[in-house]
Amino acid sequence: MRDEYDFSKAKRAKDVPHLAKLQAETRGKSRITIMLDNDLLVAFRSRAKVEGIGYQTLINQTLRQTLGSHPVDEETLRKVLREELVSR
């Protein structure tokens, strides 16, 4: 590794298309610090590994299910729009 790096020609993430897209996709989330019991963390990590997803994603999904709130996916949105257009 170098002792020093030259960032004088570096671009901001918003000026690099694929990085800007990634930033836009994550705008609906907030970084927080939360304390969880170790056994819960082990369980979520194990379950997430089996399901092939990240443990934080699994925790988020579990909290959504508990609250009864689900984000609208594309298929559901299309179904609702079709129903509304037909009824007019």
PDB file of N, CA and C in Angstrom:
ATOM      1  N   MET A   1       0.828  -1.182   0.000  1.00  0.00           N
ATOM      2  CA  MET A   1       0.000   0.000   0.000  1.00  0.00           C
ATOM      3  C   MET A   1       0.871   1.243   0.000  1.00  0.00           C
ATOM      4  N   ARG A   2       0.398   2.248  -0.636  1.00  0.00           N
ATOM      5  CA  ARG A   2       1.119   3.520  -0.655  1.00  0.00           C
ATOM      6  C   ARG A   2       0.939   4.275   0.652  1.00  0.00           C
ATOM      7  N   ASP A   3       1.921   5.109   0.955  1.00  0.00           N
ATOM      8  CA  ASP A   3       1.798   5.963   2.137  1.00  0.00           C
ATOM      9  C   ASP A   3       0.831   7.109   1.884  1.00  0.00           C
ATOM     10  N   GLU A   4       0.779   7.565   0.617  1.00  0.00           N
ATOM     11  CA  GLU A   4      -0.109   8.678   0.252  1.00  0.00           C
ATOM     12  C   GLU A   4      -0.811   8.378  -1.070  1.00  0.00           C
ATOM     13  N   TYR A   5      -2.021   8.872  -1.211  1.00  0.00           N
ATOM     14  CA  TYR A   5      -2.788   8.723  -2.441  1.00  0.00           C
ATOM     15  C   TYR A   5      -3.205  10.094  -2.922  1.00  0.00           C
ATOM     16  N   ASP A   6      -3.267  10.243  -4.248  1.00  0.00           N
ATOM     17  CA  ASP A   6      -3.648  11.526  -4.848  1.00  0.00           C
ATOM     18  C   ASP A   6      -5.117  11.464  -5.266  1.00  0.00           C
ATOM     19  N   PHE A   7      -5.964  12.181  -4.563  1.00  0.00           N
ATOM     20  CA  PHE A   7      -7.392  12.212  -4.878  1.00  0.00           C
ATOM     21  C   PHE A   7      -7.796  13.513  -5.568  1.00  0.00           C
ATOM     22  N   SER A   8      -6.837  14.241  -6.089  1.00  0.00           N
ATOM     23  CA  SER A   8      -7.125  15.539  -6.698  1.00  0.00           C
ATOM     24  C   SER A   8      -8.011  15.419  -7.939  1.00  0.00           C
ATOM     25  N   LYS A   9      -7.970  14.283  -8.622  1.00  0.00           N
ATOM     26  CA  LYS A   9      -8.789  14.092  -9.830  1.00  0.00           C
ATOM     27  C   LYS A   9      -9.973  13.161  -9.576  1.00  0.00           C
ATOM     28  N   ALA A  10     -10.241  12.881  -8.332  1.00  0.00           N
ATOM     29  CA  ALA A  10     -11.345  11.986  -7.981  1.00  0.00           C
ATOM     30  C   ALA A  10     -12.689  12.657  -8.264  1.00  0.00           C
ATOM     31  N   LYS A  11     -13.680  11.830  -8.604  1.00  0.00           N
ATOM     32  CA  LYS A  11     -15.035  12.330  -8.865  1.00  0.00           C
ATOM     33  C   LYS A  11     -15.919  11.973  -7.678  1.00  0.00           C
ATOM     34  N   ARG A  12     -16.939  12.769  -7.466  1.00  0.00           N
ATOM     35  CA  ARG A  12     -17.933  12.458  -6.435  1.00  0.00           C
ATOM     36  C   ARG A  12     -18.813  11.319  -6.954  1.00  0.00           C
ATOM     37  N   ALA A  13     -19.365  10.550  -6.036  1.00  0.00           N
ATOM     38  CA  ALA A  13     -20.203   9.411  -6.411  1.00  0.00           C
ATOM     39  C   ALA A  13     -21.362   9.841  -7.305  1.00  0.00           C
ATOM     40  N   LYS A  14     -21.926  11.026  -7.043  1.00  0.00           N
ATOM     41  CA  LYS A  14     -23.069  11.481  -7.842  1.00  0.00           C
ATOM     42  C   LYS A  14     -22.686  11.764  -9.295  1.00  0.00           C
ATOM     43  N   ASP A  15     -21.380  11.911  -9.572  1.00  0.00           N
ATOM     44  CA  ASP A  15     -20.912  12.176 -10.932  1.00  0.00           C
ATOM     45  C   ASP A  15     -20.515  10.915 -11.694  1.00  0.00           C
ATOM     46  N   VAL A  16     -20.581   9.763 -11.029  1.00  0.00           N
ATOM     47  CA  VAL A  16     -20.285   8.474 -11.668  1.00  0.00           C
ATOM     48  C   VAL A  16     -21.610   7.726 -11.767  1.00  0.00           C
ATOM     49  N   PRO A  17     -22.123   7.500 -12.998  1.00  0.00           N
ATOM     50  CA  PRO A  17     -23.478   6.968 -13.185  1.00  0.00           C
ATOM     51  C   PRO A  17     -23.832   5.750 -12.337  1.00  0.00           C
ATOM     52  N   HIS A  18     -23.003   4.701 -12.337  1.00  0.00           N
ATOM     53  CA  HIS A  18     -23.387   3.496 -11.583  1.00  0.00           C
ATOM     54  C   HIS A  18     -23.353   3.731 -10.079  1.00  0.00           C
ATOM     55  N   LEU A  19     -22.496   4.612  -9.601  1.00  0.00           N
ATOM     56  CA  LEU A  19     -22.481   4.934  -8.173  1.00  0.00           C
ATOM     57  C   LEU A  19     -23.681   5.810  -7.798  1.00  0.00           C
ATOM     58  N   ALA A  20     -24.034   6.721  -8.682  1.00  0.00           N
ATOM     59  CA  ALA A  20     -25.212   7.560  -8.448  1.00  0.00           C
ATOM     60  C   ALA A  20     -26.469   6.699  -8.356  1.00  0.00           C
ATOM     61  N   LYS A  21     -26.544   5.685  -9.212  1.00  0.00           N
ATOM     62  CA  LYS A  21     -27.699   4.776  -9.193  1.00  0.00           C
ATOM     63  C   LYS A  21     -27.763   4.024  -7.865  1.00  0.00           C
ATOM     64  N   LEU A  22     -26.620   3.533  -7.395  1.00  0.00           N
ATOM     65  CA  LEU A  22     -26.583   2.829  -6.112  1.00  0.00           C
ATOM     66  C   LEU A  22     -27.019   3.736  -4.968  1.00  0.00           C
ATOM     67  N   GLN A  23     -26.578   4.978  -4.992  1.00  0.00           N
ATOM     68  CA  GLN A  23     -26.975   5.922  -3.945  1.00  0.00           C
ATOM     69  C   GLN A  23     -28.474   6.172  -3.974  1.00  0.00           C
ATOM     70  N   ALA A  24     -29.028   6.309  -5.184  1.00  0.00           N
ATOM     71  CA  ALA A  24     -30.461   6.568  -5.315  1.00  0.00           C
ATOM     72  C   ALA A  24     -31.285   5.401  -4.780  1.00  0.00           C
ATOM     73  N   GLU A  25     -30.790   4.184  -4.992  1.00  0.00           N
ATOM     74  CA  GLU A  25     -31.521   2.996  -4.543  1.00  0.00           C
ATOM     75  C   GLU A  25     -31.550   2.868  -3.024  1.00  0.00           C
ATOM     76  N   THR A  26     -30.581   3.420  -2.344  1.00  0.00           N
ATOM     77  CA  THR A  26     -30.498   3.256  -0.889  1.00  0.00           C
ATOM     78  C   THR A  26     -31.035   4.449  -0.112  1.00  0.00           C
ATOM     79  N   ARG A  27     -31.662   5.380  -0.771  1.00  0.00           N
ATOM     80  CA  ARG A  27     -32.143   6.586  -0.080  1.00  0.00           C
ATOM     81  C   ARG A  27     -33.232   6.314   0.937  1.00  0.00           C
ATOM     82  N   GLY A  28     -33.918   5.193   0.820  1.00  0.00           N
ATOM     83  CA  GLY A  28     -35.013   4.906   1.732  1.00  0.00           C
ATOM     84  C   GLY A  28     -34.577   4.222   3.012  1.00  0.00           C
ATOM     85  N   LYS A  29     -33.280   4.196   3.280  1.00  0.00           N
ATOM     86  CA  LYS A  29     -32.797   3.513   4.473  1.00  0.00           C
ATOM     87  C   LYS A  29     -31.938   4.461   5.290  1.00  0.00           C
ATOM     88  N   SER A  30     -31.834   4.156   6.574  1.00  0.00           N
ATOM     89  CA  SER A  30     -31.013   4.949   7.480  1.00  0.00           C
ATOM     90  C   SER A  30     -30.051   4.035   8.220  1.00  0.00           C
ATOM     91  N   ARG A  31     -28.857   4.527   8.423  1.00  0.00           N
ATOM     92  CA  ARG A  31     -27.866   3.781   9.201  1.00  0.00           C
ATOM     93  C   ARG A  31     -28.117   4.073  10.680  1.00  0.00           C
ATOM     94  N   ILE A  32     -28.252   2.991  11.463  1.00  0.00           N
ATOM     95  CA  ILE A  32     -28.466   3.143  12.902  1.00  0.00           C
ATOM     96  C   ILE A  32     -27.545   2.180  13.646  1.00  0.00           C
ATOM     97  N   THR A  33     -27.469   2.360  14.929  1.00  0.00           N
ATOM     98  CA  THR A  33     -26.774   1.403  15.799  1.00  0.00           C
ATOM     99  C   THR A  33     -27.835   0.790  16.695  1.00  0.00           C
ATOM    100  N   ILE A  34     -27.827  -0.533  16.781  1.00  0.00           N
ATOM    101  CA  ILE A  34     -28.825  -1.237  17.589  1.00  0.00           C
ATOM    102  C   ILE A  34     -28.128  -2.363  18.345  1.00  0.00           C
ATOM    103  N   MET A  35     -28.538  -2.575  19.564  1.00  0.00           N
ATOM    104  CA  MET A  35     -27.980  -3.651  20.377  1.00  0.00           C
ATOM    105  C   MET A  35     -28.951  -4.824  20.351  1.00  0.00           C
ATOM    106  N   LEU A  36     -28.472  -5.999  19.945  1.00  0.00           N
ATOM    107  CA  LEU A  36     -29.277  -7.209  19.898  1.00  0.00           C
ATOM    108  C   LEU A  36     -28.626  -8.267  20.765  1.00  0.00           C
ATOM    109  N   ASP A  37     -29.438  -9.145  21.326  1.00  0.00           N
ATOM    110  CA  ASP A  37     -28.893 -10.263  22.090  1.00  0.00           C
ATOM    111  C   ASP A  37     -28.075 -11.149  21.143  1.00  0.00           C
ATOM    112  N   ASN A  38     -26.987 -11.699  21.658  1.00  0.00           N
ATOM    113  CA  ASN A  38     -26.093 -12.511  20.834  1.00  0.00           C
ATOM    114  C   ASN A  38     -26.795 -13.719  20.220  1.00  0.00           C
ATOM    115  N   ASP A  39     -27.694 -14.354  20.983  1.00  0.00           N
ATOM    116  CA  ASP A  39     -28.384 -15.526  20.445  1.00  0.00           C
ATOM    117  C   ASP A  39     -29.283 -15.155  19.273  1.00  0.00           C
ATOM    118  N   LEU A  40     -29.890 -13.963  19.322  1.00  0.00           N
ATOM    119  CA  LEU A  40     -30.706 -13.499  18.192  1.00  0.00           C
ATOM    120  C   LEU A  40     -29.844 -13.256  16.960  1.00  0.00           C
ATOM    121  N   LEU A  41     -28.719 -12.637  17.168  1.00  0.00           N
ATOM    122  CA  LEU A  41     -27.819 -12.345  16.068  1.00  0.00           C
ATOM    123  C   LEU A  41     -27.318 -13.632  15.414  1.00  0.00           C
ATOM    124  N   VAL A  42     -26.957 -14.611  16.210  1.00  0.00           N
ATOM    125  CA  VAL A  42     -26.513 -15.908  15.691  1.00  0.00           C
ATOM    126  C   VAL A  42     -27.642 -16.557  14.886  1.00  0.00           C
ATOM    127  N   ALA A  43     -28.856 -16.512  15.421  1.00  0.00           N
ATOM    128  CA  ALA A  43     -30.002 -17.116  14.739  1.00  0.00           C
ATOM    129  C   ALA A  43     -30.281 -16.433  13.408  1.00  0.00           C
ATOM    130  N   PHE A  44     -30.272 -15.097  13.387  1.00  0.00           N
ATOM    131  CA  PHE A  44     -30.526 -14.376  12.135  1.00  0.00           C
ATOM    132  C   PHE A  44     -29.429 -14.650  11.111  1.00  0.00           C
ATOM    133  N   ARG A  45     -28.182 -14.694  11.558  1.00  0.00           N
ATOM    134  CA  ARG A  45     -27.083 -14.962  10.625  1.00  0.00           C
ATOM    135  C   ARG A  45     -27.190 -16.367  10.038  1.00  0.00           C
ATOM    136  N   SER A  46     -27.526 -17.339  10.874  1.00  0.00           N
ATOM    137  CA  SER A  46     -27.667 -18.721  10.399  1.00  0.00           C
ATOM    138  C   SER A  46     -28.806 -18.840   9.397  1.00  0.00           C
ATOM    139  N   ARG A  47     -29.942 -18.252   9.748  1.00  0.00           N
ATOM    140  CA  ARG A  47     -31.121 -18.306   8.877  1.00  0.00           C
ATOM    141  C   ARG A  47     -30.869 -17.578   7.562  1.00  0.00           C
ATOM    142  N   ALA A  48     -30.196 -16.433   7.629  1.00  0.00           N
ATOM    143  CA  ALA A  48     -29.899 -15.667   6.425  1.00  0.00           C
ATOM    144  C   ALA A  48     -28.967 -16.444   5.508  1.00  0.00           C
ATOM    145  N   LYS A  49     -28.010 -17.154   6.096  1.00  0.00           N
ATOM    146  CA  LYS A  49     -27.080 -17.944   5.293  1.00  0.00           C
ATOM    147  C   LYS A  49     -27.826 -19.040   4.535  1.00  0.00           C
ATOM    148  N   VAL A  50     -28.759 -19.699   5.209  1.00  0.00           N
ATOM    149  CA  VAL A  50     -29.565 -20.749   4.577  1.00  0.00           C
ATOM    150  C   VAL A  50     -30.401 -20.169   3.429  1.00  0.00           C
ATOM    151  N   GLU A  51     -30.979 -18.981   3.642  1.00  0.00           N
ATOM    152  CA  GLU A  51     -31.831 -18.348   2.641  1.00  0.00           C
ATOM    153  C   GLU A  51     -31.035 -17.631   1.557  1.00  0.00           C
ATOM    154  N   GLY A  52     -29.733 -17.461   1.789  1.00  0.00           N
ATOM    155  CA  GLY A  52     -28.883 -16.820   0.782  1.00  0.00           C
ATOM    156  C   GLY A  52     -29.054 -15.312   0.709  1.00  0.00           C
ATOM    157  N   ILE A  53     -29.395 -14.695   1.844  1.00  0.00           N
ATOM    158  CA  ILE A  53     -29.533 -13.239   1.895  1.00  0.00           C
ATOM    159  C   ILE A  53     -28.717 -12.710   3.072  1.00  0.00           C
ATOM    160  N   GLY A  54     -28.580 -11.419   3.162  1.00  0.00           N
ATOM    161  CA  GLY A  54     -27.862 -10.818   4.278  1.00  0.00           C
ATOM    162  C   GLY A  54     -28.692 -10.845   5.557  1.00  0.00           C
ATOM    163  N   TYR A  55     -28.012 -10.959   6.677  1.00  0.00           N
ATOM    164  CA  TYR A  55     -28.750 -11.039   7.944  1.00  0.00           C
ATOM    165  C   TYR A  55     -29.476  -9.733   8.258  1.00  0.00           C
ATOM    166  N   GLN A  56     -28.930  -8.591   7.840  1.00  0.00           N
ATOM    167  CA  GLN A  56     -29.611  -7.324   8.086  1.00  0.00           C
ATOM    168  C   GLN A  56     -30.884  -7.233   7.249  1.00  0.00           C
ATOM    169  N   THR A  57     -30.834  -7.767   6.035  1.00  0.00           N
ATOM    170  CA  THR A  57     -32.029  -7.815   5.185  1.00  0.00           C
ATOM    171  C   THR A  57     -33.093  -8.676   5.842  1.00  0.00           C
ATOM    172  N   LEU A  58     -32.674  -9.803   6.398  1.00  0.00           N
ATOM    173  CA  LEU A  58     -33.619 -10.694   7.077  1.00  0.00           C
ATOM    174  C   LEU A  58     -34.235 -10.022   8.303  1.00  0.00           C
ATOM    175  N   ILE A  59     -33.437  -9.310   9.068  1.00  0.00           N
ATOM    176  CA  ILE A  59     -33.965  -8.577  10.227  1.00  0.00           C
ATOM    177  C   ILE A  59     -34.980  -7.540   9.759  1.00  0.00           C
ATOM    178  N   ASN A  60     -34.667  -6.822   8.680  1.00  0.00           N
ATOM    179  CA  ASN A  60     -35.574  -5.814   8.131  1.00  0.00           C
ATOM    180  C   ASN A  60     -36.896  -6.460   7.692  1.00  0.00           C
ATOM    181  N   GLN A  61     -36.807  -7.598   6.991  1.00  0.00           N
ATOM    182  CA  GLN A  61     -38.021  -8.298   6.544  1.00  0.00           C
ATOM    183  C   GLN A  61     -38.864  -8.756   7.730  1.00  0.00           C
ATOM    184  N   THR A  62     -38.201  -9.261   8.760  1.00  0.00           N
ATOM    185  CA  THR A  62     -38.912  -9.733   9.951  1.00  0.00           C
ATOM    186  C   THR A  62     -39.638  -8.588  10.653  1.00  0.00           C
ATOM    187  N   LEU A  63     -38.966  -7.448  10.769  1.00  0.00           N
ATOM    188  CA  LEU A  63     -39.611  -6.279  11.379  1.00  0.00           C
ATOM    189  C   LEU A  63     -40.810  -5.821  10.554  1.00  0.00           C
ATOM    190  N   ARG A  64     -40.682  -5.834   9.220  1.00  0.00           N
ATOM    191  CA  ARG A  64     -41.805  -5.454   8.351  1.00  0.00           C
ATOM    192  C   ARG A  64     -42.999  -6.375   8.563  1.00  0.00           C
ATOM    193  N   GLN A  65     -42.733  -7.691   8.606  1.00  0.00           N
ATOM    194  CA  GLN A  65     -43.817  -8.659   8.805  1.00  0.00           C
ATOM    195  C   GLN A  65     -44.505  -8.431  10.142  1.00  0.00           C
ATOM    196  N   THR A  66     -43.718  -8.150  11.164  1.00  0.00           N
ATOM    197  CA  THR A  66     -44.276  -7.910  12.498  1.00  0.00           C
ATOM    198  C   THR A  66     -45.182  -6.679  12.502  1.00  0.00           C
ATOM    199  N   LEU A  67     -44.766  -5.648  11.780  1.00  0.00           N
ATOM    200  CA  LEU A  67     -45.568  -4.425  11.716  1.00  0.00           C
ATOM    201  C   LEU A  67     -46.722  -4.534  10.726  1.00  0.00           C
ATOM    202  N   GLY A  68     -46.699  -5.562   9.894  1.00  0.00           N
ATOM    203  CA  GLY A  68     -47.750  -5.731   8.899  1.00  0.00           C
ATOM    204  C   GLY A  68     -47.599  -4.796   7.723  1.00  0.00           C
ATOM    205  N   SER A  69     -46.414  -4.313   7.505  1.00  0.00           N
ATOM    206  CA  SER A  69     -46.154  -3.375   6.415  1.00  0.00           C
ATOM    207  C   SER A  69     -45.231  -4.021   5.392  1.00  0.00           C
ATOM    208  N   HIS A  70     -45.659  -4.024   4.149  1.00  0.00           N
ATOM    209  CA  HIS A  70     -44.837  -4.589   3.079  1.00  0.00           C
ATOM    210  C   HIS A  70     -44.686  -3.553   1.972  1.00  0.00           C
ATOM    211  N   PRO A  71     -43.477  -3.395   1.452  1.00  0.00           N
ATOM    212  CA  PRO A  71     -43.324  -2.452   0.342  1.00  0.00           C
ATOM    213  C   PRO A  71     -44.062  -2.990  -0.885  1.00  0.00           C
ATOM    214  N   VAL A  72     -44.568  -2.118  -1.693  1.00  0.00           N
ATOM    215  CA  VAL A  72     -45.304  -2.525  -2.882  1.00  0.00           C
ATOM    216  C   VAL A  72     -44.308  -2.952  -3.942  1.00  0.00           C
ATOM    217  N   ASP A  73     -44.451  -4.202  -4.414  1.00  0.00           N
ATOM    218  CA  ASP A  73     -43.577  -4.657  -5.478  1.00  0.00           C
ATOM    219  C   ASP A  73     -44.218  -4.346  -6.833  1.00  0.00           C
ATOM    220  N   GLU A  74     -43.457  -4.533  -7.890  1.00  0.00           N
ATOM    221  CA  GLU A  74     -43.914  -4.161  -9.229  1.00  0.00           C
ATOM    222  C   GLU A  74     -45.171  -4.920  -9.634  1.00  0.00           C
ATOM    223  N   GLU A  75     -45.233  -6.207  -9.330  1.00  0.00           N
ATOM    224  CA  GLU A  75     -46.390  -7.018  -9.701  1.00  0.00           C
ATOM    225  C   GLU A  75     -47.665  -6.517  -9.034  1.00  0.00           C
ATOM    226  N   THR A  76     -47.599  -6.209  -7.752  1.00  0.00           N
ATOM    227  CA  THR A  76     -48.761  -5.699  -7.020  1.00  0.00           C
ATOM    228  C   THR A  76     -49.195  -4.352  -7.557  1.00  0.00           C
ATOM    229  N   LEU A  77     -48.235  -3.483  -7.840  1.00  0.00           N
ATOM    230  CA  LEU A  77     -48.550  -2.171  -8.387  1.00  0.00           C
ATOM    231  C   LEU A  77     -49.251  -2.291  -9.732  1.00  0.00           C
ATOM    232  N   ARG A  78     -48.756  -3.162 -10.607  1.00  0.00           N
ATOM    233  CA  ARG A  78     -49.387  -3.360 -11.912  1.00  0.00           C
ATOM    234  C   ARG A  78     -50.821  -3.876 -11.758  1.00  0.00           C
ATOM    235  N   LYS A  79     -51.027  -4.806 -10.821  1.00  0.00           N
ATOM    236  CA  LYS A  79     -52.359  -5.366 -10.596  1.00  0.00           C
ATOM    237  C   LYS A  79     -53.331  -4.271 -10.158  1.00  0.00           C
ATOM    238  N   VAL A  80     -52.918  -3.439  -9.217  1.00  0.00           N
ATOM    239  CA  VAL A  80     -53.772  -2.356  -8.721  1.00  0.00           C
ATOM    240  C   VAL A  80     -54.080  -1.367  -9.843  1.00  0.00           C
ATOM    241  N   LEU A  81     -53.082  -1.007 -10.618  1.00  0.00           N
ATOM    242  CA  LEU A  81     -53.300  -0.067 -11.721  1.00  0.00           C
ATOM    243  C   LEU A  81     -54.269  -0.623 -12.751  1.00  0.00           C
ATOM    244  N   ARG A  82     -54.113  -1.909 -13.085  1.00  0.00           N
ATOM    245  CA  ARG A  82     -55.044  -2.531 -14.046  1.00  0.00           C
ATOM    246  C   ARG A  82     -56.477  -2.487 -13.518  1.00  0.00           C
ATOM    247  N   GLU A  83     -56.633  -2.826 -12.239  1.00  0.00           N
ATOM    248  CA  GLU A  83     -57.967  -2.816 -11.640  1.00  0.00           C
ATOM    249  C   GLU A  83     -58.573  -1.421 -11.673  1.00  0.00           C
ATOM    250  N   GLU A  84     -57.770  -0.423 -11.380  1.00  0.00           N
ATOM    251  CA  GLU A  84     -58.264   0.949 -11.377  1.00  0.00           C
ATOM    252  C   GLU A  84     -58.605   1.422 -12.795  1.00  0.00           C
ATOM    253  N   LEU A  85     -57.795   1.047 -13.764  1.00  0.00           N
ATOM    254  CA  LEU A  85     -58.064   1.465 -15.137  1.00  0.00           C
ATOM    255  C   LEU A  85     -59.307   0.809 -15.707  1.00  0.00           C
ATOM    256  N   VAL A  86     -59.554  -0.437 -15.341  1.00  0.00           N
ATOM    257  CA  VAL A  86     -60.735  -1.168 -15.813  1.00  0.00           C
ATOM    258  C   VAL A  86     -61.999  -0.583 -15.211  1.00  0.00           C
ATOM    259  N   SER A  87     -61.941  -0.155 -13.968  1.00  0.00           N
ATOM    260  CA  SER A  87     -63.133   0.334 -13.282  1.00  0.00           C
ATOM    261  C   SER A  87     -63.555   1.730 -13.765  1.00  0.00           C
ATOM    262  N   ARG A  88     -62.754   2.389 -14.537  1.00  0.00           N
ATOM    263  CA  ARG A  88     -63.111   3.746 -15.003  1.00  0.00           C
ATOM    264  C   ARG A  88     -63.857   3.720 -16.280  1.00  0.00           C
TER     265      ARG A  88
END
